[in-house]
Amino acid sequence: LGKKLFTACAACHGLTGEGGVGPKLQGQTKDAILAMLTQYKNGETRGAQSALMWGQSAALSTDDMTNIGAFVESL
């Protein structure tokens, strides 16, 4: 499930989370990804691209964010 959801992330973070326009996600734990996505969903600023991530995370459920985190952890 997380792999399918990650396709929206890949444009900026790379197909395998290697980074690109957005930061590298490889090596992050599922808990770290969940925490960051939750912060973005709550409108918190984490860096220069926070406004972009607010929009990306707005429609994600907690299950979606957990699944994305599990996929990223598997990279």
N, C-alpha and C. Protein backbone atom coordinates (compact mmCIF):
# COMPACT_ATOMS: atom_id res chain seq x y z
N LEU A 1 0.82 -1.21 0.00
CA LEU A 1 0.00 0.00 0.00
C LEU A 1 0.85 1.26 0.00
N GLY A 2 1.91 1.24 0.78
CA GLY A 2 2.79 2.40 0.84
C GLY A 2 3.51 2.67 -0.46
N LYS A 3 3.86 1.59 -1.17
CA LYS A 3 4.55 1.75 -2.46
C LYS A 3 3.66 2.50 -3.45
N LYS A 4 2.38 2.14 -3.48
CA LYS A 4 1.43 2.80 -4.38
C LYS A 4 1.30 4.28 -4.02
N LEU A 5 1.17 4.58 -2.74
CA LEU A 5 1.04 5.96 -2.28
C LEU A 5 2.32 6.77 -2.55
N PHE A 6 3.46 6.09 -2.47
CA PHE A 6 4.74 6.77 -2.64
C PHE A 6 4.94 7.30 -4.05
N THR A 7 4.18 6.83 -5.02
CA THR A 7 4.35 7.32 -6.39
C THR A 7 4.18 8.83 -6.46
N ALA A 8 3.32 9.38 -5.61
CA ALA A 8 3.14 10.84 -5.56
C ALA A 8 4.36 11.53 -4.95
N CYS A 9 5.09 10.83 -4.14
CA CYS A 9 6.27 11.37 -3.46
C CYS A 9 7.51 11.31 -4.36
N ALA A 10 7.52 10.31 -5.25
CA ALA A 10 8.71 10.01 -6.04
C ALA A 10 9.15 11.15 -6.95
N ALA A 11 8.22 11.98 -7.39
CA ALA A 11 8.59 13.08 -8.28
C ALA A 11 9.64 13.99 -7.63
N CYS A 12 9.55 14.19 -6.35
CA CYS A 12 10.50 15.06 -5.65
C CYS A 12 11.56 14.29 -4.86
N HIS A 13 11.18 13.13 -4.32
CA HIS A 13 12.08 12.38 -3.44
C HIS A 13 12.81 11.23 -4.14
N GLY A 14 12.51 11.01 -5.43
CA GLY A 14 13.15 9.93 -6.18
C GLY A 14 12.40 8.62 -6.05
N LEU A 15 12.52 7.77 -7.05
CA LEU A 15 11.79 6.49 -7.07
C LEU A 15 12.14 5.59 -5.90
N THR A 16 13.38 5.70 -5.43
CA THR A 16 13.80 4.87 -4.30
C THR A 16 14.15 5.73 -3.09
N GLY A 17 13.58 6.94 -3.04
CA GLY A 17 13.82 7.82 -1.90
C GLY A 17 15.22 8.39 -1.85
N GLU A 18 15.91 8.38 -3.01
CA GLU A 18 17.30 8.85 -3.03
C GLU A 18 17.43 10.37 -2.97
N GLY A 19 16.32 11.06 -3.09
CA GLY A 19 16.34 12.51 -3.05
C GLY A 19 16.41 13.10 -4.44
N GLY A 20 16.23 14.37 -4.51
CA GLY A 20 16.23 15.10 -5.77
C GLY A 20 15.85 16.53 -5.45
N VAL A 21 14.70 16.95 -5.91
CA VAL A 21 14.17 18.27 -5.54
C VAL A 21 13.92 18.28 -4.03
N GLY A 22 13.38 17.18 -3.53
CA GLY A 22 13.14 17.01 -2.10
C GLY A 22 14.29 16.23 -1.47
N PRO A 23 14.37 16.21 -0.16
CA PRO A 23 15.47 15.54 0.51
C PRO A 23 15.42 14.01 0.38
N LYS A 24 16.55 13.40 0.61
CA LYS A 24 16.69 11.95 0.63
C LYS A 24 15.85 11.39 1.78
N LEU A 25 15.10 10.33 1.49
CA LEU A 25 14.30 9.66 2.52
C LEU A 25 14.86 8.30 2.90
N GLN A 26 15.71 7.74 2.05
CA GLN A 26 16.33 6.45 2.36
C GLN A 26 16.98 6.51 3.72
N GLY A 27 16.82 5.43 4.48
CA GLY A 27 17.44 5.37 5.80
C GLY A 27 16.55 5.87 6.92
N GLN A 28 15.42 6.48 6.58
CA GLN A 28 14.49 6.97 7.60
C GLN A 28 13.62 5.80 8.10
N THR A 29 13.23 5.85 9.35
CA THR A 29 12.35 4.84 9.90
C THR A 29 10.90 5.19 9.61
N LYS A 30 10.03 4.19 9.70
CA LYS A 30 8.61 4.45 9.47
C LYS A 30 8.07 5.44 10.50
N ASP A 31 8.56 5.36 11.73
CA ASP A 31 8.11 6.28 12.77
C ASP A 31 8.53 7.72 12.47
N ALA A 32 9.73 7.89 11.95
CA ALA A 32 10.21 9.23 11.60
C ALA A 32 9.39 9.81 10.46
N ILE A 33 9.10 9.00 9.44
CA ILE A 33 8.29 9.47 8.31
C ILE A 33 6.89 9.83 8.78
N LEU A 34 6.30 8.98 9.61
CA LEU A 34 4.96 9.26 10.14
C LEU A 34 4.96 10.57 10.93
N ALA A 35 5.97 10.77 11.75
CA ALA A 35 6.06 12.00 12.55
C ALA A 35 6.18 13.23 11.65
N MET A 36 7.03 13.15 10.63
CA MET A 36 7.21 14.30 9.74
C MET A 36 5.94 14.60 8.95
N LEU A 37 5.32 13.57 8.40
CA LEU A 37 4.08 13.78 7.64
C LEU A 37 2.97 14.34 8.53
N THR A 38 2.92 13.89 9.76
CA THR A 38 1.92 14.40 10.70
C THR A 38 2.17 15.88 10.98
N GLN A 39 3.43 16.25 11.15
CA GLN A 39 3.76 17.65 11.38
C GLN A 39 3.34 18.50 10.19
N TYR A 40 3.62 18.02 8.99
CA TYR A 40 3.20 18.76 7.79
C TYR A 40 1.68 18.86 7.72
N LYS A 41 1.00 17.76 8.00
CA LYS A 41 -0.47 17.76 7.95
C LYS A 41 -1.05 18.76 8.94
N ASN A 42 -0.35 18.95 10.05
CA ASN A 42 -0.79 19.90 11.07
C ASN A 42 -0.35 21.34 10.76
N GLY A 43 0.28 21.54 9.60
CA GLY A 43 0.67 22.89 9.18
C GLY A 43 1.96 23.38 9.80
N GLU A 44 2.75 22.49 10.37
CA GLU A 44 4.01 22.90 10.98
C GLU A 44 5.09 23.11 9.92
N THR A 45 5.98 24.03 10.17
CA THR A 45 7.09 24.31 9.27
C THR A 45 8.29 23.47 9.67
N ARG A 46 8.84 22.74 8.68
CA ARG A 46 10.02 21.90 8.93
C ARG A 46 11.20 22.33 8.09
N GLY A 47 10.95 23.12 7.06
CA GLY A 47 12.03 23.54 6.18
C GLY A 47 11.49 24.40 5.05
N ALA A 48 12.36 24.66 4.08
CA ALA A 48 12.03 25.58 3.00
C ALA A 48 10.86 25.11 2.14
N GLN A 49 10.62 23.82 2.06
CA GLN A 49 9.56 23.30 1.20
C GLN A 49 8.32 22.88 1.98
N SER A 50 8.17 23.39 3.17
CA SER A 50 7.03 23.01 4.02
C SER A 50 5.69 23.29 3.36
N ALA A 51 5.55 24.43 2.70
CA ALA A 51 4.26 24.78 2.08
C ALA A 51 3.86 23.73 1.04
N LEU A 52 4.81 23.22 0.29
CA LEU A 52 4.53 22.16 -0.68
C LEU A 52 4.06 20.90 0.05
N MET A 53 4.72 20.57 1.13
CA MET A 53 4.37 19.35 1.88
C MET A 53 3.05 19.49 2.62
N TRP A 54 2.65 20.69 2.99
CA TRP A 54 1.34 20.86 3.63
C TRP A 54 0.26 20.37 2.68
N GLY A 55 0.36 20.77 1.42
CA GLY A 55 -0.61 20.34 0.43
C GLY A 55 -0.55 18.86 0.15
N GLN A 56 0.64 18.30 0.11
CA GLN A 56 0.80 16.88 -0.18
C GLN A 56 0.26 16.01 0.95
N SER A 57 0.41 16.44 2.17
CA SER A 57 -0.01 15.63 3.31
C SER A 57 -1.46 15.85 3.71
N ALA A 58 -2.08 16.90 3.23
CA ALA A 58 -3.43 17.26 3.67
C ALA A 58 -4.45 16.15 3.48
N ALA A 59 -4.38 15.42 2.38
CA ALA A 59 -5.38 14.39 2.08
C ALA A 59 -5.00 13.01 2.61
N LEU A 60 -3.83 12.89 3.23
CA LEU A 60 -3.38 11.59 3.72
C LEU A 60 -4.01 11.25 5.06
N SER A 61 -4.48 10.02 5.18
CA SER A 61 -4.97 9.53 6.47
C SER A 61 -3.77 9.05 7.30
N THR A 62 -4.00 8.78 8.56
CA THR A 62 -2.93 8.23 9.40
C THR A 62 -2.46 6.90 8.84
N ASP A 63 -3.39 6.07 8.37
CA ASP A 63 -3.01 4.80 7.76
C ASP A 63 -2.16 5.02 6.52
N ASP A 64 -2.53 5.99 5.69
CA ASP A 64 -1.73 6.31 4.50
C ASP A 64 -0.30 6.68 4.90
N MET A 65 -0.18 7.55 5.89
CA MET A 65 1.14 8.01 6.32
C MET A 65 1.95 6.86 6.91
N THR A 66 1.29 5.98 7.65
CA THR A 66 1.97 4.81 8.22
C THR A 66 2.45 3.88 7.11
N ASN A 67 1.62 3.68 6.10
CA ASN A 67 2.00 2.82 4.98
C ASN A 67 3.16 3.41 4.18
N ILE A 68 3.13 4.72 3.97
CA ILE A 68 4.24 5.37 3.28
C ILE A 68 5.52 5.20 4.10
N GLY A 69 5.41 5.39 5.41
CA GLY A 69 6.57 5.22 6.29
C GLY A 69 7.13 3.82 6.24
N ALA A 70 6.26 2.81 6.22
CA ALA A 70 6.73 1.43 6.14
C ALA A 70 7.44 1.17 4.82
N PHE A 71 6.92 1.74 3.73
CA PHE A 71 7.56 1.57 2.44
C PHE A 71 8.94 2.25 2.43
N VAL A 72 8.99 3.46 2.91
CA VAL A 72 10.28 4.18 2.94
C VAL A 72 11.30 3.41 3.78
N GLU A 73 10.87 2.88 4.91
CA GLU A 73 11.79 2.13 5.76
C GLU A 73 12.34 0.90 5.03
N SER A 74 11.58 0.35 4.09
CA SER A 74 12.00 -0.85 3.36
C SER A 74 12.96 -0.54 2.21
N LEU A 75 13.16 0.74 1.89
CA LEU A 75 14.00 1.10 0.75
C LEU A 75 15.47 0.81 1.01
